[in-house]
Amino acid sequence: MHRTDSGRSLPILDPNVVIRRTTDVLAAYVAGELEDRVHSLAARHTTTPTASIPSRPAPPRHDRSR
């Protein structure tokens, strides 16, 4: 599959091809978004774990040897 490096080319639709892009962003914006993300994750409600299925009791053990 041929890929051109011009900015006007269409993106590749092949999921096996990874395209890496860099963008200049002010550190203040990154810090603000990171802080918002931390607050949103901290505000999520913790769910109680579901009751697990009780395991079957072990079969009775006989002390006789063969």
C-alpha atoms as a PDB file:
ATOM      1  CA  MET A   1       0.000   0.000   0.000  1.00  0.00           C
ATOM      2  CA  HIS A   2       1.503   3.305  -1.053  1.00  0.00           C
ATOM      3  CA  ARG A   3       1.413   6.207   1.363  1.00  0.00           C
ATOM      4  CA  THR A   4       2.453   9.719   0.518  1.00  0.00           C
ATOM      5  CA  ASP A   5       3.883  12.067   3.110  1.00  0.00           C
ATOM      6  CA  SER A   6       2.036  15.124   1.904  1.00  0.00           C
ATOM      7  CA  GLY A   7      -0.378  16.770   4.315  1.00  0.00           C
ATOM      8  CA  ARG A   8      -3.136  16.576   1.715  1.00  0.00           C
ATOM      9  CA  SER A   9      -3.199  12.810   1.390  1.00  0.00           C
ATOM     10  CA  LEU A  10      -6.082  10.755   2.714  1.00  0.00           C
ATOM     11  CA  PRO A  11      -5.539   8.697   5.855  1.00  0.00           C
ATOM     12  CA  ILE A  12      -4.929   4.990   5.432  1.00  0.00           C
ATOM     13  CA  LEU A  13      -7.864   2.788   6.383  1.00  0.00           C
ATOM     14  CA  ASP A  14      -5.755  -0.298   7.060  1.00  0.00           C
ATOM     15  CA  PRO A  15      -5.946  -1.107  10.812  1.00  0.00           C
ATOM     16  CA  ASN A  16      -2.498  -2.730  10.638  1.00  0.00           C
ATOM     17  CA  VAL A  17      -0.837   0.581   9.762  1.00  0.00           C
ATOM     18  CA  VAL A  18      -0.013   2.974  12.593  1.00  0.00           C
ATOM     19  CA  ILE A  19       0.272   6.648  11.796  1.00  0.00           C
ATOM     20  CA  ARG A  20       2.067   8.824  14.308  1.00  0.00           C
ATOM     21  CA  ARG A  21       1.391  12.523  14.472  1.00  0.00           C
ATOM     22  CA  THR A  22       2.955  15.180  16.653  1.00  0.00           C
ATOM     23  CA  THR A  23       1.279  18.377  17.748  1.00  0.00           C
ATOM     24  CA  ASP A  24       2.633  21.299  19.708  1.00  0.00           C
ATOM     25  CA  VAL A  25       0.475  22.002  22.753  1.00  0.00           C
ATOM     26  CA  LEU A  26       1.088  24.398  25.603  1.00  0.00           C
ATOM     27  CA  ALA A  27       2.016  22.627  28.836  1.00  0.00           C
ATOM     28  CA  ALA A  28      -0.709  24.554  30.694  1.00  0.00           C
ATOM     29  CA  TYR A  29      -3.377  22.948  28.494  1.00  0.00           C
ATOM     30  CA  VAL A  30      -1.956  19.479  29.063  1.00  0.00           C
ATOM     31  CA  ALA A  31      -1.790  20.054  32.827  1.00  0.00           C
ATOM     32  CA  GLY A  32      -5.374  21.324  32.889  1.00  0.00           C
ATOM     33  CA  GLU A  33      -6.706  18.357  30.926  1.00  0.00           C
ATOM     34  CA  LEU A  34      -4.749  15.942  33.091  1.00  0.00           C
ATOM     35  CA  GLU A  35      -6.152  17.528  36.236  1.00  0.00           C
ATOM     36  CA  ASP A  36      -9.697  17.291  34.837  1.00  0.00           C
ATOM     37  CA  ARG A  37      -9.127  13.636  34.023  1.00  0.00           C
ATOM     38  CA  VAL A  38      -7.830  12.883  37.518  1.00  0.00           C
ATOM     39  CA  HIS A  39     -10.858  14.598  39.083  1.00  0.00           C
ATOM     40  CA  SER A  40     -13.291  12.722  36.849  1.00  0.00           C
ATOM     41  CA  LEU A  41     -11.671   9.382  37.679  1.00  0.00           C
ATOM     42  CA  ALA A  42     -11.639  10.177  41.396  1.00  0.00           C
ATOM     43  CA  ALA A  43     -15.336  11.117  41.290  1.00  0.00           C
ATOM     44  CA  ARG A  44     -16.410   7.778  39.827  1.00  0.00           C
ATOM     45  CA  HIS A  45     -18.440   5.670  42.172  1.00  0.00           C
ATOM     46  CA  THR A  46     -16.848   2.466  43.284  1.00  0.00           C
ATOM     47  CA  THR A  47     -19.051  -0.518  42.718  1.00  0.00           C
ATOM     48  CA  THR A  48     -19.337  -3.292  45.222  1.00  0.00           C
ATOM     49  CA  PRO A  49     -18.023  -6.573  43.892  1.00  0.00           C
ATOM     50  CA  THR A  50     -20.689  -9.021  42.905  1.00  0.00           C
ATOM     51  CA  ALA A  51     -21.203 -12.002  45.158  1.00  0.00           C
ATOM     52  CA  SER A  52     -19.065 -14.834  43.944  1.00  0.00           C
ATOM     53  CA  ILE A  53     -20.527 -18.251  43.327  1.00  0.00           C
ATOM     54  CA  PRO A  54     -19.704 -20.422  46.325  1.00  0.00           C
ATOM     55  CA  SER A  55     -17.304 -23.180  45.458  1.00  0.00           C
ATOM     56  CA  ARG A  56     -18.385 -26.786  45.745  1.00  0.00           C
ATOM     57  CA  PRO A  57     -17.266 -28.550  48.893  1.00  0.00           C
ATOM     58  CA  ALA A  58     -14.403 -30.967  48.464  1.00  0.00           C
ATOM     59  CA  PRO A  59     -15.428 -34.618  48.120  1.00  0.00           C
ATOM     60  CA  PRO A  60     -15.181 -36.632  51.336  1.00  0.00           C
ATOM     61  CA  ARG A  61     -11.722 -37.990  51.879  1.00  0.00           C
ATOM     62  CA  HIS A  62     -11.210 -41.637  52.763  1.00  0.00           C
ATOM     63  CA  ASP A  63      -8.198 -42.426  54.894  1.00  0.00           C
ATOM     64  CA  ARG A  64      -7.790 -45.883  53.410  1.00  0.00           C
ATOM     65  CA  SER A  65      -4.814 -46.433  51.162  1.00  0.00           C
ATOM     66  CA  ARG A  66      -4.899 -48.800  48.221  1.00  0.00           C
END
